[in-house]
Amino acid sequence: MSGRTQPQDFALIKELEYILDSCRLELTSVDEVWPNLYIGNVAIAQNRSALRKLGITHVLNAAHSKQGSIGDQSYYGNMCVYCGIPAEDSDQFDLSQYVKSAADFIQKGLKSKDGKVFVHCIMGVSRSATLVLAFLMLRQRLSVSDAIKQVTQKRAIYPNKRFLSLLLTLDRQLTRRRRLCPLL
């Protein structure tokens, strides 16, 4: 699931971009996009009192390696469980290597007692949104377009083309697997 763009994907990516472009929401610092699942920016991630007010129990940092977004478990102490993913928001970065572990972390966080998960990158638009979309596809059985429609009802997002291609590849794989075994 490398997310390499296939020639037939260009039209599908355009369709997904059309859905993304139809979102009329203003970009805010944090939004609940699924029950107890939030996407936001680095400013909220670095504001422990804001996280406490939201009741956040788990933080997934999709920009762990970026200057100004370096977090770790010691910063959050016993307030939150932390997971850092050193993703780059570029057309060269292969985010697929982190999709399953991110979905597992989100799922575990949501299933924990009073679990609320905050997923962020720098702006909360591309990397974090892609990981949340993948979670919705993997764990909530949404198609890529349904996942995008769900999230854009609550938050302005805009994954880059490489990440959209990755999500299309994941969508095809999940559709194929579910056709073979409907329980998946």
N, C-alpha and C. Protein backbone atom coordinates (compact mmCIF):
# COMPACT_ATOMS: atom_id res chain seq x y z
N MET A 1 0.85 -1.18 0.00
CA MET A 1 0.00 0.00 0.00
C MET A 1 0.89 1.24 0.00
N SER A 2 1.65 1.41 -0.99
CA SER A 2 2.64 2.50 -1.00
C SER A 2 2.03 3.86 -1.27
N GLY A 3 0.85 3.90 -1.89
CA GLY A 3 0.26 5.20 -2.17
C GLY A 3 0.80 5.83 -3.44
N ARG A 4 1.51 5.06 -4.26
CA ARG A 4 1.98 5.57 -5.55
C ARG A 4 0.77 5.82 -6.43
N THR A 5 0.73 6.95 -7.09
CA THR A 5 -0.40 7.31 -7.92
C THR A 5 -0.37 6.52 -9.22
N GLN A 6 -1.46 5.82 -9.48
CA GLN A 6 -1.65 5.08 -10.72
C GLN A 6 -2.36 5.99 -11.71
N PRO A 7 -2.15 5.77 -13.02
CA PRO A 7 -2.80 6.65 -14.01
C PRO A 7 -4.32 6.74 -13.82
N GLN A 8 -4.97 5.62 -13.51
CA GLN A 8 -6.43 5.63 -13.33
C GLN A 8 -6.86 6.37 -12.07
N ASP A 9 -5.91 6.63 -11.17
CA ASP A 9 -6.23 7.31 -9.91
C ASP A 9 -6.45 8.81 -10.08
N PHE A 10 -5.93 9.41 -11.14
CA PHE A 10 -6.03 10.86 -11.27
C PHE A 10 -7.48 11.34 -11.23
N ALA A 11 -8.36 10.63 -11.92
CA ALA A 11 -9.78 11.01 -11.92
C ALA A 11 -10.39 10.80 -10.54
N LEU A 12 -10.03 9.72 -9.89
CA LEU A 12 -10.55 9.44 -8.55
C LEU A 12 -10.04 10.46 -7.53
N ILE A 13 -8.78 10.85 -7.64
CA ILE A 13 -8.23 11.88 -6.76
C ILE A 13 -8.96 13.19 -6.99
N LYS A 14 -9.24 13.51 -8.23
CA LYS A 14 -10.01 14.73 -8.54
C LYS A 14 -11.39 14.69 -7.86
N GLU A 15 -12.04 13.52 -7.88
CA GLU A 15 -13.34 13.38 -7.22
C GLU A 15 -13.21 13.63 -5.71
N LEU A 16 -12.16 13.07 -5.10
CA LEU A 16 -11.95 13.26 -3.66
C LEU A 16 -11.64 14.73 -3.36
N GLU A 17 -10.83 15.35 -4.22
CA GLU A 17 -10.53 16.77 -4.04
C GLU A 17 -11.79 17.63 -4.18
N TYR A 18 -12.70 17.21 -5.05
CA TYR A 18 -13.97 17.93 -5.20
C TYR A 18 -14.76 17.88 -3.88
N ILE A 19 -14.80 16.69 -3.25
CA ILE A 19 -15.48 16.56 -1.95
C ILE A 19 -14.79 17.46 -0.92
N LEU A 20 -13.45 17.43 -0.89
CA LEU A 20 -12.69 18.26 0.05
C LEU A 20 -12.95 19.74 -0.20
N ASP A 21 -12.98 20.14 -1.47
CA ASP A 21 -13.22 21.54 -1.83
C ASP A 21 -14.63 22.01 -1.47
N SER A 22 -15.56 21.07 -1.37
CA SER A 22 -16.94 21.46 -1.08
C SER A 22 -17.14 21.82 0.40
N CYS A 23 -16.15 21.52 1.23
CA CYS A 23 -16.23 21.88 2.65
C CYS A 23 -16.14 23.39 2.79
N ARG A 24 -17.08 23.98 3.49
CA ARG A 24 -17.13 25.44 3.66
C ARG A 24 -16.78 25.87 5.08
N LEU A 25 -16.27 24.94 5.87
CA LEU A 25 -15.92 25.27 7.25
C LEU A 25 -14.62 26.05 7.31
N GLU A 26 -14.54 26.92 8.30
CA GLU A 26 -13.28 27.61 8.57
C GLU A 26 -12.36 26.65 9.33
N LEU A 27 -11.08 26.76 9.12
CA LEU A 27 -10.12 25.94 9.84
C LEU A 27 -10.04 26.43 11.29
N THR A 28 -10.25 25.55 12.23
CA THR A 28 -10.17 25.88 13.65
C THR A 28 -9.03 25.08 14.29
N SER A 29 -8.77 25.35 15.55
CA SER A 29 -7.64 24.69 16.21
C SER A 29 -7.93 23.24 16.56
N VAL A 30 -9.19 22.88 16.79
CA VAL A 30 -9.56 21.50 17.13
C VAL A 30 -11.03 21.26 16.83
N ASP A 31 -11.34 20.05 16.32
CA ASP A 31 -12.72 19.67 16.03
C ASP A 31 -12.91 18.20 16.34
N GLU A 32 -14.07 17.87 16.90
CA GLU A 32 -14.44 16.46 17.10
C GLU A 32 -15.04 15.98 15.79
N VAL A 33 -14.37 15.03 15.13
CA VAL A 33 -14.79 14.59 13.79
C VAL A 33 -15.52 13.24 13.82
N TRP A 34 -15.47 12.56 14.93
CA TRP A 34 -16.11 11.27 15.16
C TRP A 34 -16.29 11.23 16.67
N PRO A 35 -17.23 10.50 17.21
CA PRO A 35 -17.39 10.52 18.66
C PRO A 35 -16.07 10.24 19.41
N ASN A 36 -15.66 11.21 20.21
CA ASN A 36 -14.44 11.14 21.03
C ASN A 36 -13.14 11.10 20.24
N LEU A 37 -13.19 11.47 18.98
CA LEU A 37 -12.00 11.52 18.12
C LEU A 37 -11.87 12.93 17.56
N TYR A 38 -10.75 13.56 17.86
CA TYR A 38 -10.52 14.97 17.52
C TYR A 38 -9.31 15.10 16.59
N ILE A 39 -9.41 16.06 15.68
CA ILE A 39 -8.26 16.46 14.86
C ILE A 39 -7.98 17.92 15.20
N GLY A 40 -6.70 18.25 15.32
CA GLY A 40 -6.36 19.63 15.62
C GLY A 40 -4.93 19.96 15.28
N ASN A 41 -4.52 21.13 15.73
CA ASN A 41 -3.18 21.61 15.38
C ASN A 41 -2.21 21.47 16.55
N VAL A 42 -0.97 21.83 16.30
CA VAL A 42 0.09 21.67 17.28
C VAL A 42 -0.10 22.58 18.49
N ALA A 43 -0.75 23.73 18.31
CA ALA A 43 -0.96 24.64 19.45
C ALA A 43 -1.82 23.98 20.52
N ILE A 44 -2.84 23.27 20.11
CA ILE A 44 -3.68 22.55 21.08
C ILE A 44 -2.89 21.41 21.71
N ALA A 45 -2.10 20.71 20.90
CA ALA A 45 -1.30 19.59 21.41
C ALA A 45 -0.34 20.03 22.50
N GLN A 46 0.11 21.26 22.42
CA GLN A 46 1.08 21.78 23.39
C GLN A 46 0.42 22.59 24.50
N ASN A 47 -0.89 22.49 24.58
CA ASN A 47 -1.66 23.20 25.60
C ASN A 47 -2.35 22.16 26.49
N ARG A 48 -1.66 21.75 27.54
CA ARG A 48 -2.19 20.69 28.40
C ARG A 48 -3.53 21.06 29.03
N SER A 49 -3.73 22.34 29.36
CA SER A 49 -5.02 22.71 29.97
C SER A 49 -6.16 22.58 28.96
N ALA A 50 -5.91 22.91 27.69
CA ALA A 50 -6.94 22.74 26.65
C ALA A 50 -7.26 21.25 26.46
N LEU A 51 -6.23 20.42 26.45
CA LEU A 51 -6.44 18.97 26.32
C LEU A 51 -7.21 18.43 27.52
N ARG A 52 -6.89 18.91 28.70
CA ARG A 52 -7.58 18.47 29.93
C ARG A 52 -9.05 18.87 29.86
N LYS A 53 -9.32 20.10 29.38
CA LYS A 53 -10.71 20.58 29.24
C LYS A 53 -11.51 19.70 28.29
N LEU A 54 -10.85 19.26 27.21
CA LEU A 54 -11.51 18.38 26.23
C LEU A 54 -11.65 16.95 26.75
N GLY A 55 -10.89 16.61 27.79
CA GLY A 55 -10.91 15.25 28.33
C GLY A 55 -10.06 14.27 27.55
N ILE A 56 -9.07 14.78 26.83
CA ILE A 56 -8.22 13.94 25.98
C ILE A 56 -7.41 12.96 26.83
N THR A 57 -7.44 11.69 26.42
CA THR A 57 -6.69 10.65 27.12
C THR A 57 -5.53 10.11 26.29
N HIS A 58 -5.58 10.33 24.96
CA HIS A 58 -4.57 9.82 24.04
C HIS A 58 -4.23 10.89 23.01
N VAL A 59 -2.93 11.07 22.75
CA VAL A 59 -2.46 12.03 21.76
C VAL A 59 -1.64 11.30 20.71
N LEU A 60 -2.04 11.46 19.45
CA LEU A 60 -1.29 10.92 18.31
C LEU A 60 -0.72 12.10 17.54
N ASN A 61 0.59 12.24 17.55
CA ASN A 61 1.29 13.33 16.87
C ASN A 61 1.79 12.81 15.53
N ALA A 62 1.18 13.29 14.44
CA ALA A 62 1.56 12.86 13.10
C ALA A 62 2.67 13.72 12.51
N ALA A 63 3.27 14.58 13.33
CA ALA A 63 4.39 15.44 12.88
C ALA A 63 5.51 15.37 13.91
N HIS A 64 5.72 14.20 14.46
CA HIS A 64 6.64 14.01 15.58
C HIS A 64 8.05 14.53 15.32
N SER A 65 8.51 14.46 14.09
CA SER A 65 9.89 14.84 13.78
C SER A 65 10.07 16.32 13.44
N LYS A 66 8.99 17.05 13.33
CA LYS A 66 9.07 18.43 12.88
C LYS A 66 9.42 19.38 14.03
N GLN A 67 10.24 20.36 13.73
CA GLN A 67 10.59 21.39 14.70
C GLN A 67 9.31 22.05 15.22
N GLY A 68 9.22 22.22 16.50
CA GLY A 68 8.03 22.84 17.08
C GLY A 68 6.92 21.85 17.36
N SER A 69 7.08 20.59 16.93
CA SER A 69 6.04 19.60 17.16
C SER A 69 6.62 18.34 17.78
N ILE A 70 7.73 18.49 18.45
CA ILE A 70 8.34 17.32 19.06
C ILE A 70 7.73 17.13 20.43
N GLY A 71 7.02 16.04 20.58
CA GLY A 71 6.38 15.73 21.85
C GLY A 71 6.89 14.37 22.30
N ASP A 72 6.57 14.04 23.54
CA ASP A 72 6.88 12.70 24.03
C ASP A 72 6.03 12.42 25.25
N GLN A 73 6.11 11.21 25.74
CA GLN A 73 5.29 10.81 26.87
C GLN A 73 5.59 11.66 28.11
N SER A 74 6.84 12.05 28.29
CA SER A 74 7.18 12.81 29.50
C SER A 74 6.48 14.18 29.53
N TYR A 75 6.21 14.77 28.36
CA TYR A 75 5.51 16.06 28.31
C TYR A 75 4.10 15.92 28.88
N TYR A 76 3.43 14.81 28.54
CA TYR A 76 2.04 14.60 28.96
C TYR A 76 1.93 13.90 30.31
N GLY A 77 3.02 13.29 30.76
CA GLY A 77 2.98 12.59 32.05
C GLY A 77 1.92 11.51 32.04
N ASN A 78 1.18 11.42 33.15
CA ASN A 78 0.13 10.40 33.22
C ASN A 78 -1.23 10.95 32.77
N MET A 79 -1.24 12.17 32.22
CA MET A 79 -2.47 12.79 31.74
C MET A 79 -2.96 12.12 30.45
N CYS A 80 -2.03 11.78 29.55
CA CYS A 80 -2.37 11.21 28.25
C CYS A 80 -1.36 10.14 27.86
N VAL A 81 -1.82 9.21 27.04
CA VAL A 81 -0.92 8.26 26.40
C VAL A 81 -0.48 8.91 25.09
N TYR A 82 0.81 8.90 24.80
CA TYR A 82 1.36 9.59 23.62
C TYR A 82 1.89 8.59 22.60
N CYS A 83 1.68 8.91 21.34
CA CYS A 83 2.27 8.16 20.23
C CYS A 83 2.75 9.18 19.20
N GLY A 84 4.01 9.08 18.79
CA GLY A 84 4.57 10.00 17.81
C GLY A 84 4.90 9.31 16.50
N ILE A 85 4.47 9.89 15.41
CA ILE A 85 4.76 9.38 14.06
C ILE A 85 5.52 10.47 13.32
N PRO A 86 6.74 10.16 12.86
CA PRO A 86 7.57 11.18 12.20
C PRO A 86 7.22 11.37 10.72
N ALA A 87 5.98 11.78 10.45
CA ALA A 87 5.51 11.92 9.07
C ALA A 87 5.89 13.28 8.48
N GLU A 88 6.13 13.27 7.19
CA GLU A 88 6.39 14.50 6.42
C GLU A 88 5.16 14.76 5.56
N ASP A 89 4.75 16.00 5.45
CA ASP A 89 3.64 16.35 4.57
C ASP A 89 4.20 16.68 3.19
N SER A 90 4.57 15.63 2.47
CA SER A 90 5.14 15.83 1.14
C SER A 90 4.67 14.72 0.21
N ASP A 91 4.77 14.98 -1.08
CA ASP A 91 4.39 13.98 -2.07
C ASP A 91 5.40 12.84 -2.16
N GLN A 92 6.53 12.96 -1.46
CA GLN A 92 7.53 11.90 -1.46
C GLN A 92 7.41 10.97 -0.25
N PHE A 93 6.71 11.41 0.79
CA PHE A 93 6.67 10.63 2.03
C PHE A 93 5.64 9.51 1.94
N ASP A 94 6.06 8.29 2.33
CA ASP A 94 5.18 7.13 2.32
C ASP A 94 4.57 6.95 3.71
N LEU A 95 3.38 7.45 3.90
CA LEU A 95 2.68 7.38 5.18
C LEU A 95 2.10 5.99 5.43
N SER A 96 2.04 5.15 4.41
CA SER A 96 1.39 3.84 4.55
C SER A 96 2.03 2.98 5.64
N GLN A 97 3.31 3.18 5.88
CA GLN A 97 3.99 2.37 6.90
C GLN A 97 3.45 2.63 8.31
N TYR A 98 2.72 3.71 8.50
CA TYR A 98 2.20 4.07 9.82
C TYR A 98 0.69 3.92 9.96
N VAL A 99 0.00 3.62 8.87
CA VAL A 99 -1.46 3.63 8.88
C VAL A 99 -2.04 2.61 9.88
N LYS A 100 -1.57 1.39 9.85
CA LYS A 100 -2.13 0.36 10.73
C LYS A 100 -1.82 0.66 12.20
N SER A 101 -0.59 1.04 12.51
CA SER A 101 -0.27 1.32 13.91
C SER A 101 -1.04 2.54 14.43
N ALA A 102 -1.26 3.54 13.57
CA ALA A 102 -2.05 4.71 13.97
C ALA A 102 -3.50 4.30 14.23
N ALA A 103 -4.07 3.49 13.34
CA ALA A 103 -5.46 3.02 13.52
C ALA A 103 -5.57 2.19 14.80
N ASP A 104 -4.58 1.35 15.07
CA ASP A 104 -4.57 0.55 16.30
C ASP A 104 -4.54 1.46 17.53
N PHE A 105 -3.68 2.49 17.50
CA PHE A 105 -3.57 3.42 18.62
C PHE A 105 -4.89 4.16 18.86
N ILE A 106 -5.50 4.65 17.78
CA ILE A 106 -6.78 5.36 17.90
C ILE A 106 -7.84 4.42 18.46
N GLN A 107 -7.92 3.22 17.92
CA GLN A 107 -8.92 2.25 18.38
C GLN A 107 -8.74 1.92 19.87
N LYS A 108 -7.50 1.68 20.26
CA LYS A 108 -7.21 1.36 21.66
C LYS A 108 -7.59 2.54 22.56
N GLY A 109 -7.27 3.76 22.11
CA GLY A 109 -7.62 4.95 22.87
C GLY A 109 -9.12 5.12 23.03
N LEU A 110 -9.87 4.92 21.95
CA LEU A 110 -11.32 5.08 22.00
C LEU A 110 -11.97 4.02 22.87
N LYS A 111 -11.38 2.84 22.92
CA LYS A 111 -11.94 1.74 23.71
C LYS A 111 -11.54 1.81 25.18
N SER A 112 -10.57 2.65 25.51
CA SER A 112 -10.14 2.76 26.91
C SER A 112 -11.20 3.49 27.72
N LYS A 113 -11.13 3.38 29.03
CA LYS A 113 -12.10 4.01 29.91
C LYS A 113 -12.11 5.53 29.67
N ASP A 114 -13.28 6.06 29.32
CA ASP A 114 -13.45 7.50 29.04
C ASP A 114 -12.50 7.99 27.95
N GLY A 115 -12.14 7.11 27.01
CA GLY A 115 -11.14 7.43 26.00
C GLY A 115 -11.56 8.52 25.03
N LYS A 116 -10.67 9.49 24.88
CA LYS A 116 -10.82 10.55 23.87
C LYS A 116 -9.45 10.73 23.23
N VAL A 117 -9.43 10.68 21.90
CA VAL A 117 -8.17 10.70 21.16
C VAL A 117 -8.04 12.00 20.38
N PHE A 118 -6.89 12.64 20.53
CA PHE A 118 -6.56 13.86 19.79
C PHE A 118 -5.44 13.53 18.81
N VAL A 119 -5.71 13.71 17.51
CA VAL A 119 -4.73 13.46 16.46
C VAL A 119 -4.34 14.81 15.87
N HIS A 120 -3.04 15.06 15.80
CA HIS A 120 -2.61 16.35 15.28
C HIS A 120 -1.35 16.21 14.43
N CYS A 121 -1.12 17.25 13.64
CA CYS A 121 0.16 17.46 12.96
C CYS A 121 0.48 18.93 13.23
N ILE A 122 0.93 19.67 12.26
CA ILE A 122 1.19 21.09 12.51
C ILE A 122 -0.12 21.88 12.45
N MET A 123 -0.84 21.74 11.33
CA MET A 123 -2.09 22.48 11.16
C MET A 123 -3.35 21.64 11.37
N GLY A 124 -3.21 20.32 11.32
CA GLY A 124 -4.37 19.45 11.46
C GLY A 124 -5.18 19.35 10.19
N VAL A 125 -4.48 19.30 9.06
CA VAL A 125 -5.16 19.33 7.77
C VAL A 125 -4.81 18.13 6.88
N SER A 126 -3.55 17.70 6.86
CA SER A 126 -3.13 16.68 5.92
C SER A 126 -2.70 15.37 6.59
N ARG A 127 -1.59 15.36 7.30
CA ARG A 127 -1.10 14.12 7.92
C ARG A 127 -2.08 13.55 8.93
N SER A 128 -2.50 14.37 9.88
CA SER A 128 -3.42 13.89 10.91
C SER A 128 -4.76 13.48 10.29
N ALA A 129 -5.24 14.27 9.35
CA ALA A 129 -6.51 13.95 8.70
C ALA A 129 -6.41 12.62 7.96
N THR A 130 -5.29 12.37 7.29
CA THR A 130 -5.12 11.11 6.55
C THR A 130 -5.16 9.93 7.50
N LEU A 131 -4.50 10.04 8.64
CA LEU A 131 -4.51 8.94 9.61
C LEU A 131 -5.91 8.70 10.19
N VAL A 132 -6.65 9.77 10.42
CA VAL A 132 -8.02 9.62 10.92
C VAL A 132 -8.91 9.00 9.83
N LEU A 133 -8.75 9.44 8.59
CA LEU A 133 -9.52 8.86 7.49
C LEU A 133 -9.22 7.36 7.36
N ALA A 134 -7.96 6.99 7.44
CA ALA A 134 -7.57 5.58 7.36
C ALA A 134 -8.20 4.79 8.51
N PHE A 135 -8.20 5.38 9.71
CA PHE A 135 -8.85 4.72 10.86
C PHE A 135 -10.33 4.46 10.55
N LEU A 136 -11.02 5.47 10.04
CA LEU A 136 -12.44 5.31 9.73
C LEU A 136 -12.67 4.23 8.68
N MET A 137 -11.75 4.12 7.75
CA MET A 137 -11.86 3.08 6.73
C MET A 137 -11.56 1.70 7.30
N LEU A 138 -10.50 1.60 8.08
CA LEU A 138 -10.08 0.31 8.63
C LEU A 138 -11.00 -0.19 9.75
N ARG A 139 -11.36 0.68 10.67
CA ARG A 139 -12.06 0.25 11.89
C ARG A 139 -13.56 0.52 11.89
N GLN A 140 -14.00 1.49 11.08
CA GLN A 140 -15.42 1.81 11.03
C GLN A 140 -16.05 1.38 9.71
N ARG A 141 -15.25 0.79 8.84
CA ARG A 141 -15.72 0.21 7.57
C ARG A 141 -16.31 1.25 6.60
N LEU A 142 -15.82 2.49 6.66
CA LEU A 142 -16.28 3.51 5.72
C LEU A 142 -15.44 3.44 4.45
N SER A 143 -16.04 3.80 3.33
CA SER A 143 -15.26 3.95 2.10
C SER A 143 -14.46 5.24 2.21
N VAL A 144 -13.50 5.41 1.33
CA VAL A 144 -12.69 6.63 1.38
C VAL A 144 -13.56 7.87 1.20
N SER A 145 -14.49 7.83 0.25
CA SER A 145 -15.33 9.02 0.03
C SER A 145 -16.27 9.26 1.21
N ASP A 146 -16.82 8.19 1.80
CA ASP A 146 -17.68 8.37 2.97
C ASP A 146 -16.90 8.89 4.17
N ALA A 147 -15.67 8.42 4.34
CA ALA A 147 -14.82 8.90 5.44
C ALA A 147 -14.55 10.40 5.26
N ILE A 148 -14.21 10.80 4.04
CA ILE A 148 -13.94 12.22 3.77
C ILE A 148 -15.20 13.06 4.01
N LYS A 149 -16.34 12.57 3.54
CA LYS A 149 -17.60 13.30 3.75
C LYS A 149 -17.90 13.43 5.25
N GLN A 150 -17.66 12.37 6.00
CA GLN A 150 -17.90 12.39 7.45
C GLN A 150 -17.03 13.46 8.12
N VAL A 151 -15.73 13.45 7.83
CA VAL A 151 -14.82 14.36 8.50
C VAL A 151 -15.05 15.80 8.06
N THR A 152 -15.30 16.03 6.77
CA THR A 152 -15.47 17.40 6.29
C THR A 152 -16.79 18.03 6.75
N GLN A 153 -17.69 17.25 7.34
CA GLN A 153 -18.87 17.84 7.97
C GLN A 153 -18.49 18.55 9.27
N LYS A 154 -17.33 18.18 9.82
CA LYS A 154 -16.90 18.70 11.12
C LYS A 154 -15.63 19.55 11.05
N ARG A 155 -14.78 19.31 10.04
CA ARG A 155 -13.48 20.00 9.99
C ARG A 155 -13.02 20.20 8.54
N ALA A 156 -12.40 21.32 8.30
CA ALA A 156 -11.76 21.58 7.00
C ALA A 156 -10.44 20.80 6.98
N ILE A 157 -10.31 19.88 6.04
CA ILE A 157 -9.08 19.09 5.89
C ILE A 157 -8.65 19.12 4.44
N TYR A 158 -7.38 18.78 4.18
CA TYR A 158 -6.92 18.71 2.80
C TYR A 158 -5.63 17.86 2.70
N PRO A 159 -5.80 16.51 2.71
CA PRO A 159 -4.63 15.65 2.52
C PRO A 159 -3.98 15.91 1.17
N ASN A 160 -2.65 15.79 1.11
CA ASN A 160 -1.97 15.98 -0.18
C ASN A 160 -2.29 14.84 -1.14
N LYS A 161 -1.93 15.01 -2.41
CA LYS A 161 -2.26 14.02 -3.44
C LYS A 161 -1.68 12.63 -3.14
N ARG A 162 -0.48 12.58 -2.62
CA ARG A 162 0.13 11.28 -2.28
C ARG A 162 -0.69 10.57 -1.21
N PHE A 163 -1.15 11.32 -0.22
CA PHE A 163 -1.94 10.72 0.84
C PHE A 163 -3.32 10.29 0.32
N LEU A 164 -3.89 11.07 -0.59
CA LEU A 164 -5.16 10.66 -1.20
C LEU A 164 -4.98 9.38 -2.01
N SER A 165 -3.87 9.27 -2.71
CA SER A 165 -3.58 8.06 -3.47
C SER A 165 -3.43 6.86 -2.53
N LEU A 166 -2.77 7.06 -1.41
CA LEU A 166 -2.62 6.01 -0.41
C LEU A 166 -4.00 5.55 0.08
N LEU A 167 -4.88 6.50 0.35
CA LEU A 167 -6.23 6.17 0.82
C LEU A 167 -7.03 5.44 -0.25
N LEU A 168 -6.85 5.81 -1.51
CA LEU A 168 -7.52 5.09 -2.61
C LEU A 168 -7.03 3.64 -2.67
N THR A 169 -5.73 3.43 -2.53
CA THR A 169 -5.16 2.08 -2.54
C THR A 169 -5.71 1.28 -1.37
N LEU A 170 -5.76 1.89 -0.20
CA LEU A 170 -6.32 1.22 0.96
C LEU A 170 -7.79 0.88 0.73
N ASP A 171 -8.54 1.79 0.15
CA ASP A 171 -9.96 1.57 -0.15
C ASP A 171 -10.14 0.36 -1.06
N ARG A 172 -9.31 0.27 -2.10
CA ARG A 172 -9.38 -0.87 -3.03
C ARG A 172 -9.06 -2.18 -2.30
N GLN A 173 -8.02 -2.16 -1.47
CA GLN A 173 -7.63 -3.37 -0.74
C GLN A 173 -8.74 -3.82 0.20
N LEU A 174 -9.32 -2.88 0.93
CA LEU A 174 -10.38 -3.22 1.87
C LEU A 174 -11.63 -3.73 1.14
N THR A 175 -11.97 -3.11 0.04
CA THR A 175 -13.13 -3.54 -0.76
C THR A 175 -12.91 -4.96 -1.25
N ARG A 176 -11.72 -5.24 -1.77
CA ARG A 176 -11.38 -6.58 -2.27
C ARG A 176 -11.46 -7.60 -1.14
N ARG A 177 -10.85 -7.30 -0.01
CA ARG A 177 -10.84 -8.23 1.14
C ARG A 177 -12.25 -8.49 1.65
N ARG A 178 -13.07 -7.45 1.72
CA ARG A 178 -14.42 -7.59 2.25
C ARG A 178 -15.33 -8.35 1.27
N ARG A 179 -14.99 -8.28 -0.01
CA ARG A 179 -15.73 -9.06 -0.98
C ARG A 179 -15.44 -10.54 -0.78
N LEU A 180 -14.17 -10.85 -0.51
CA LEU A 180 -13.77 -12.24 -0.28
C LEU A 180 -14.23 -12.75 1.07
N CYS A 181 -14.20 -11.88 2.08
CA CYS A 181 -14.59 -12.27 3.43
C CYS A 181 -15.38 -11.12 4.06
N PRO A 182 -16.71 -11.16 3.97
CA PRO A 182 -17.55 -10.03 4.43
C PRO A 182 -17.38 -9.66 5.90
N LEU A 183 -16.80 -10.54 6.71
CA LEU A 183 -16.62 -10.22 8.13
C LEU A 183 -15.48 -9.25 8.37
N LEU A 184 -14.59 -9.07 7.39
CA LEU A 184 -13.44 -8.17 7.56
C LEU A 184 -13.85 -6.71 7.49
